[in-house]
Amino acid sequence: MAKKLYVGNLSYNATDDSLKQLFADAGEVTSANVIIDKMSGRSRGFGFVEMANDAEADAAVEKFNGQEHDGRKLVVNEARPLADRPPRRSFGSSGGSGGSRGGFGGSRGGFGGGRREEY
C-alpha cells in the first residue's frame, strides 16, 4: 500500500521532477508534487511524495528527515489528512472588517472632514 509523505523546508527552486529524483534513492516513488504559489509561480517550500509501500516510505523518512538539501534541512514525515477548518472570512460580509463608518471620512464630511472656511 502506498504511503504519502510531507516534505517541508524545500528550496524555492524545487520541482516535481527534482523531488521525485531525490526520493528515488529510498525506493519507488509513485508521485511527487511540489506545492506552487499561484502568484509567483515558484515553490512554496513544501510538497508531498507518495512511496510505493510503507517500508520504503519509512526508509525515506529515516534517510531524508533532517538531511541538508540545496542548503536547507528537510523536514520529512508521514502526511496527515487535512484537518477540518472553519471557513475563511470573506471581506464585505456582515461582521467583516470596517463596519459602517460612512465612506472615506466617516461621519466627518468626506475626505477632509471638519468645517469649511470661505475666503
N, C-alpha and C. Protein backbone atom coordinates (compact mmCIF):
# COMPACT_ATOMS: atom_id res chain seq x y z
N MET A 1 0.84 -1.19 0.00
CA MET A 1 0.00 0.00 0.00
C MET A 1 0.89 1.25 0.00
N ALA A 2 0.51 2.25 -0.79
CA ALA A 2 1.29 3.48 -0.89
C ALA A 2 1.12 4.33 0.37
N LYS A 3 2.17 5.08 0.68
CA LYS A 3 2.15 5.96 1.84
C LYS A 3 2.61 7.34 1.40
N LYS A 4 1.87 8.36 1.81
CA LYS A 4 2.17 9.74 1.43
C LYS A 4 3.01 10.42 2.49
N LEU A 5 4.05 11.12 2.05
CA LEU A 5 4.95 11.83 2.95
C LEU A 5 4.87 13.33 2.71
N TYR A 6 4.97 14.10 3.79
CA TYR A 6 5.09 15.55 3.72
C TYR A 6 6.58 15.88 3.68
N VAL A 7 6.98 16.77 2.79
CA VAL A 7 8.37 17.20 2.70
C VAL A 7 8.38 18.72 2.83
N GLY A 8 8.94 19.21 3.93
CA GLY A 8 8.96 20.64 4.19
C GLY A 8 10.35 21.22 4.13
N ASN A 9 10.42 22.53 4.09
CA ASN A 9 11.66 23.30 4.04
C ASN A 9 12.42 23.04 2.73
N LEU A 10 11.68 22.86 1.65
CA LEU A 10 12.30 22.67 0.34
C LEU A 10 12.84 23.99 -0.19
N SER A 11 13.81 23.89 -1.07
CA SER A 11 14.31 25.05 -1.78
C SER A 11 13.19 25.61 -2.65
N TYR A 12 13.20 26.91 -2.86
CA TYR A 12 12.18 27.52 -3.71
C TYR A 12 12.39 27.18 -5.18
N ASN A 13 13.50 26.55 -5.50
CA ASN A 13 13.77 26.11 -6.86
C ASN A 13 13.32 24.67 -7.10
N ALA A 14 12.78 24.02 -6.09
CA ALA A 14 12.39 22.62 -6.20
C ALA A 14 11.28 22.43 -7.23
N THR A 15 11.35 21.30 -7.94
CA THR A 15 10.32 20.93 -8.91
C THR A 15 9.82 19.52 -8.59
N ASP A 16 8.73 19.12 -9.23
CA ASP A 16 8.22 17.77 -9.05
C ASP A 16 9.29 16.74 -9.42
N ASP A 17 9.97 16.97 -10.54
CA ASP A 17 10.98 16.02 -11.01
C ASP A 17 12.17 15.92 -10.06
N SER A 18 12.65 17.07 -9.56
CA SER A 18 13.80 17.04 -8.65
C SER A 18 13.44 16.34 -7.34
N LEU A 19 12.21 16.53 -6.87
CA LEU A 19 11.76 15.86 -5.65
C LEU A 19 11.64 14.36 -5.87
N LYS A 20 11.12 13.97 -7.02
CA LYS A 20 10.99 12.55 -7.34
C LYS A 20 12.36 11.89 -7.44
N GLN A 21 13.31 12.55 -8.09
CA GLN A 21 14.66 12.00 -8.21
C GLN A 21 15.34 11.85 -6.85
N LEU A 22 15.16 12.84 -5.99
CA LEU A 22 15.76 12.78 -4.66
C LEU A 22 15.24 11.57 -3.88
N PHE A 23 13.92 11.38 -3.87
CA PHE A 23 13.33 10.32 -3.07
C PHE A 23 13.45 8.94 -3.71
N ALA A 24 13.81 8.89 -4.98
CA ALA A 24 14.01 7.59 -5.65
C ALA A 24 15.17 6.82 -5.02
N ASP A 25 16.06 7.50 -4.31
CA ASP A 25 17.16 6.82 -3.60
C ASP A 25 16.65 5.93 -2.47
N ALA A 26 15.44 6.21 -1.98
CA ALA A 26 14.89 5.43 -0.87
C ALA A 26 13.93 4.35 -1.34
N GLY A 27 13.53 4.37 -2.61
CA GLY A 27 12.60 3.37 -3.12
C GLY A 27 11.78 3.90 -4.27
N GLU A 28 10.74 3.16 -4.61
CA GLU A 28 9.89 3.53 -5.74
C GLU A 28 8.95 4.67 -5.36
N VAL A 29 9.04 5.75 -6.13
CA VAL A 29 8.20 6.93 -5.91
C VAL A 29 7.00 6.85 -6.84
N THR A 30 5.80 6.82 -6.27
CA THR A 30 4.58 6.78 -7.05
C THR A 30 4.24 8.15 -7.61
N SER A 31 4.39 9.19 -6.78
CA SER A 31 4.15 10.56 -7.23
C SER A 31 4.94 11.52 -6.36
N ALA A 32 5.23 12.69 -6.93
CA ALA A 32 5.92 13.76 -6.20
C ALA A 32 5.34 15.08 -6.66
N ASN A 33 4.86 15.88 -5.70
CA ASN A 33 4.23 17.16 -6.03
C ASN A 33 4.79 18.26 -5.15
N VAL A 34 5.40 19.26 -5.77
CA VAL A 34 5.83 20.45 -5.06
C VAL A 34 4.68 21.44 -5.14
N ILE A 35 4.30 22.03 -4.02
CA ILE A 35 3.19 22.97 -3.99
C ILE A 35 3.71 24.32 -4.51
N ILE A 36 3.01 24.85 -5.50
CA ILE A 36 3.43 26.07 -6.19
C ILE A 36 2.55 27.25 -5.78
N ASP A 37 3.18 28.40 -5.56
CA ASP A 37 2.46 29.62 -5.25
C ASP A 37 1.78 30.13 -6.52
N LYS A 38 0.50 30.44 -6.44
CA LYS A 38 -0.26 30.86 -7.62
C LYS A 38 0.22 32.20 -8.17
N MET A 39 0.63 33.09 -7.30
CA MET A 39 1.01 34.43 -7.75
C MET A 39 2.41 34.46 -8.36
N SER A 40 3.39 33.86 -7.67
CA SER A 40 4.78 33.95 -8.14
C SER A 40 5.15 32.81 -9.08
N GLY A 41 4.43 31.69 -9.02
CA GLY A 41 4.74 30.55 -9.86
C GLY A 41 5.92 29.73 -9.39
N ARG A 42 6.43 30.00 -8.18
CA ARG A 42 7.56 29.23 -7.66
C ARG A 42 7.10 28.40 -6.46
N SER A 43 7.98 27.51 -6.04
CA SER A 43 7.67 26.61 -4.94
C SER A 43 7.31 27.39 -3.68
N ARG A 44 6.37 26.84 -2.90
CA ARG A 44 6.03 27.43 -1.61
C ARG A 44 6.89 26.87 -0.49
N GLY A 45 7.81 25.96 -0.85
CA GLY A 45 8.75 25.44 0.14
C GLY A 45 8.33 24.11 0.76
N PHE A 46 7.28 23.49 0.22
CA PHE A 46 6.89 22.18 0.71
C PHE A 46 6.22 21.39 -0.40
N GLY A 47 6.11 20.09 -0.18
CA GLY A 47 5.48 19.23 -1.16
C GLY A 47 5.13 17.89 -0.56
N PHE A 48 4.69 16.97 -1.42
CA PHE A 48 4.27 15.64 -0.99
C PHE A 48 4.86 14.60 -1.92
N VAL A 49 5.31 13.50 -1.32
CA VAL A 49 5.84 12.37 -2.07
C VAL A 49 5.06 11.14 -1.66
N GLU A 50 4.65 10.35 -2.64
CA GLU A 50 3.96 9.10 -2.35
C GLU A 50 4.89 7.96 -2.72
N MET A 51 5.20 7.12 -1.73
CA MET A 51 6.09 5.98 -1.93
C MET A 51 5.23 4.74 -2.18
N ALA A 52 5.81 3.76 -2.89
CA ALA A 52 5.07 2.57 -3.31
C ALA A 52 4.60 1.71 -2.14
N ASN A 53 5.40 1.66 -1.06
CA ASN A 53 4.97 0.85 0.08
C ASN A 53 5.46 1.48 1.39
N ASP A 54 4.91 0.97 2.49
CA ASP A 54 5.21 1.54 3.81
C ASP A 54 6.68 1.43 4.18
N ALA A 55 7.33 0.31 3.85
CA ALA A 55 8.73 0.10 4.22
C ALA A 55 9.62 1.14 3.54
N GLU A 56 9.37 1.40 2.26
CA GLU A 56 10.17 2.39 1.54
C GLU A 56 9.87 3.81 2.05
N ALA A 57 8.63 4.07 2.41
CA ALA A 57 8.27 5.37 2.97
C ALA A 57 8.97 5.59 4.30
N ASP A 58 8.98 4.57 5.15
CA ASP A 58 9.67 4.68 6.44
C ASP A 58 11.16 4.89 6.24
N ALA A 59 11.74 4.21 5.24
CA ALA A 59 13.16 4.37 4.93
C ALA A 59 13.44 5.79 4.45
N ALA A 60 12.53 6.36 3.67
CA ALA A 60 12.70 7.72 3.16
C ALA A 60 12.66 8.73 4.30
N VAL A 61 11.73 8.55 5.25
CA VAL A 61 11.66 9.44 6.41
C VAL A 61 12.97 9.37 7.19
N GLU A 62 13.44 8.15 7.42
CA GLU A 62 14.69 7.95 8.16
C GLU A 62 15.87 8.59 7.46
N LYS A 63 15.91 8.44 6.14
CA LYS A 63 17.05 8.92 5.36
C LYS A 63 17.05 10.44 5.17
N PHE A 64 15.88 11.04 4.90
CA PHE A 64 15.84 12.44 4.49
C PHE A 64 15.45 13.44 5.56
N ASN A 65 14.78 13.02 6.62
CA ASN A 65 14.38 13.96 7.66
C ASN A 65 15.63 14.51 8.34
N GLY A 66 15.80 15.84 8.28
CA GLY A 66 16.96 16.49 8.88
C GLY A 66 18.16 16.57 7.96
N GLN A 67 18.10 15.93 6.79
CA GLN A 67 19.21 15.97 5.85
C GLN A 67 19.22 17.32 5.13
N GLU A 68 20.41 17.83 4.88
CA GLU A 68 20.53 19.09 4.16
C GLU A 68 20.45 18.82 2.66
N HIS A 69 19.62 19.61 1.98
CA HIS A 69 19.46 19.51 0.52
C HIS A 69 19.28 20.92 -0.03
N ASP A 70 20.11 21.32 -0.97
CA ASP A 70 20.09 22.67 -1.54
C ASP A 70 20.22 23.74 -0.44
N GLY A 71 21.06 23.45 0.55
CA GLY A 71 21.31 24.42 1.61
C GLY A 71 20.23 24.53 2.66
N ARG A 72 19.26 23.61 2.66
CA ARG A 72 18.16 23.65 3.63
C ARG A 72 17.98 22.28 4.26
N LYS A 73 17.69 22.26 5.56
CA LYS A 73 17.43 21.00 6.26
C LYS A 73 15.99 20.58 6.01
N LEU A 74 15.82 19.43 5.38
CA LEU A 74 14.49 18.94 5.05
C LEU A 74 13.73 18.48 6.29
N VAL A 75 12.44 18.63 6.26
CA VAL A 75 11.54 18.08 7.27
C VAL A 75 10.68 17.06 6.53
N VAL A 76 10.81 15.79 6.91
CA VAL A 76 10.07 14.73 6.23
C VAL A 76 9.34 13.90 7.27
N ASN A 77 8.04 13.74 7.09
CA ASN A 77 7.25 12.87 7.96
C ASN A 77 6.01 12.40 7.22
N GLU A 78 5.30 11.50 7.83
CA GLU A 78 4.09 10.98 7.20
C GLU A 78 3.05 12.09 7.12
N ALA A 79 2.46 12.24 5.93
CA ALA A 79 1.46 13.28 5.72
C ALA A 79 0.22 12.96 6.53
N ARG A 80 -0.35 13.98 7.14
CA ARG A 80 -1.59 13.82 7.89
C ARG A 80 -2.73 14.37 7.05
N PRO A 81 -3.92 13.82 7.21
CA PRO A 81 -5.06 14.35 6.44
C PRO A 81 -5.33 15.80 6.82
N LEU A 82 -5.83 16.56 5.87
CA LEU A 82 -6.15 17.95 6.11
C LEU A 82 -7.26 18.03 7.16
N ALA A 83 -6.99 18.73 8.24
CA ALA A 83 -7.96 18.85 9.33
C ALA A 83 -9.10 19.76 8.92
N ASP A 84 -10.27 19.49 9.50
CA ASP A 84 -11.41 20.37 9.25
C ASP A 84 -11.10 21.73 9.85
N ARG A 85 -11.28 22.75 9.03
CA ARG A 85 -11.03 24.11 9.50
C ARG A 85 -12.29 24.93 9.28
N PRO A 86 -12.50 25.94 10.12
CA PRO A 86 -13.66 26.80 9.89
C PRO A 86 -13.49 27.54 8.57
N PRO A 87 -14.58 27.91 7.91
CA PRO A 87 -14.47 28.62 6.64
C PRO A 87 -13.76 29.96 6.83
N ARG A 88 -13.03 30.37 5.79
CA ARG A 88 -12.34 31.66 5.85
C ARG A 88 -13.35 32.79 5.81
N ARG A 89 -13.01 33.88 6.49
CA ARG A 89 -13.88 35.06 6.45
C ARG A 89 -13.67 35.76 5.12
N SER A 90 -14.74 36.18 4.53
CA SER A 90 -14.61 36.93 3.29
C SER A 90 -14.87 38.40 3.59
N PHE A 91 -14.16 39.25 2.89
CA PHE A 91 -14.33 40.68 3.09
C PHE A 91 -15.65 41.12 2.48
N GLY A 92 -16.29 42.08 3.12
CA GLY A 92 -17.54 42.59 2.61
C GLY A 92 -18.77 41.92 3.18
N SER A 93 -18.59 40.85 3.91
CA SER A 93 -19.75 40.19 4.51
C SER A 93 -20.08 40.86 5.83
N SER A 94 -21.24 40.58 6.34
CA SER A 94 -21.62 41.21 7.60
C SER A 94 -20.67 40.78 8.70
N GLY A 95 -20.32 41.70 9.54
CA GLY A 95 -19.39 41.41 10.63
C GLY A 95 -17.95 41.40 10.17
N GLY A 96 -17.71 41.78 8.93
CA GLY A 96 -16.35 41.79 8.40
C GLY A 96 -15.58 42.99 8.90
N SER A 97 -14.57 43.36 8.16
CA SER A 97 -13.74 44.47 8.61
C SER A 97 -14.36 45.80 8.22
N GLY A 98 -14.19 46.78 9.05
CA GLY A 98 -14.60 48.13 8.71
C GLY A 98 -15.92 48.57 9.30
N GLY A 99 -16.90 47.71 9.33
CA GLY A 99 -18.19 48.11 9.86
C GLY A 99 -18.84 49.17 8.98
N SER A 100 -19.62 50.08 9.59
CA SER A 100 -20.30 51.11 8.79
C SER A 100 -19.83 52.48 9.24
N ARG A 101 -18.71 52.92 8.75
CA ARG A 101 -18.16 54.22 9.13
C ARG A 101 -18.67 55.34 8.25
N GLY A 102 -19.29 55.00 7.14
CA GLY A 102 -19.86 56.07 6.32
C GLY A 102 -18.90 56.66 5.31
N GLY A 103 -18.24 55.88 4.55
CA GLY A 103 -17.38 56.40 3.49
C GLY A 103 -15.96 56.64 3.94
N PHE A 104 -15.26 57.48 3.19
CA PHE A 104 -13.83 57.69 3.43
C PHE A 104 -13.55 58.41 4.74
N GLY A 105 -14.35 59.36 5.08
CA GLY A 105 -14.05 60.16 6.27
C GLY A 105 -14.98 59.89 7.42
N GLY A 106 -15.71 58.82 7.39
CA GLY A 106 -16.65 58.54 8.47
C GLY A 106 -17.77 59.56 8.46
N SER A 107 -18.14 60.03 9.62
CA SER A 107 -19.24 60.99 9.69
C SER A 107 -18.73 62.42 9.75
N ARG A 108 -17.52 62.64 9.30
CA ARG A 108 -16.94 63.98 9.38
C ARG A 108 -17.02 64.75 8.07
N GLY A 109 -17.76 64.26 7.11
CA GLY A 109 -17.96 65.05 5.91
C GLY A 109 -17.04 64.67 4.76
N GLY A 110 -16.75 63.43 4.55
CA GLY A 110 -15.96 63.02 3.39
C GLY A 110 -14.47 63.00 3.65
N PHE A 111 -13.71 63.42 2.65
CA PHE A 111 -12.25 63.29 2.73
C PHE A 111 -11.64 64.21 3.78
N GLY A 112 -11.95 65.48 3.74
CA GLY A 112 -11.30 66.44 4.62
C GLY A 112 -11.90 66.50 6.00
N GLY A 113 -13.18 66.40 6.07
CA GLY A 113 -13.85 66.47 7.36
C GLY A 113 -13.80 67.87 7.95
N GLY A 114 -14.40 68.04 9.08
CA GLY A 114 -14.34 69.33 9.78
C GLY A 114 -15.12 70.44 9.09
N ARG A 115 -14.87 71.70 9.53
CA ARG A 115 -15.58 72.85 8.97
C ARG A 115 -14.91 73.30 7.69
N ARG A 116 -15.69 74.02 6.91
CA ARG A 116 -15.16 74.53 5.65
C ARG A 116 -15.18 76.05 5.74
N GLU A 117 -14.03 76.67 5.57
CA GLU A 117 -13.91 78.14 5.63
C GLU A 117 -14.07 78.72 4.23
N GLU A 118 -14.81 79.82 4.13
CA GLU A 118 -14.94 80.51 2.84
C GLU A 118 -14.05 81.72 2.84
N TYR A 119 -13.39 81.98 1.73
CA TYR A 119 -12.49 83.14 1.62
C TYR A 119 -13.04 84.18 0.72
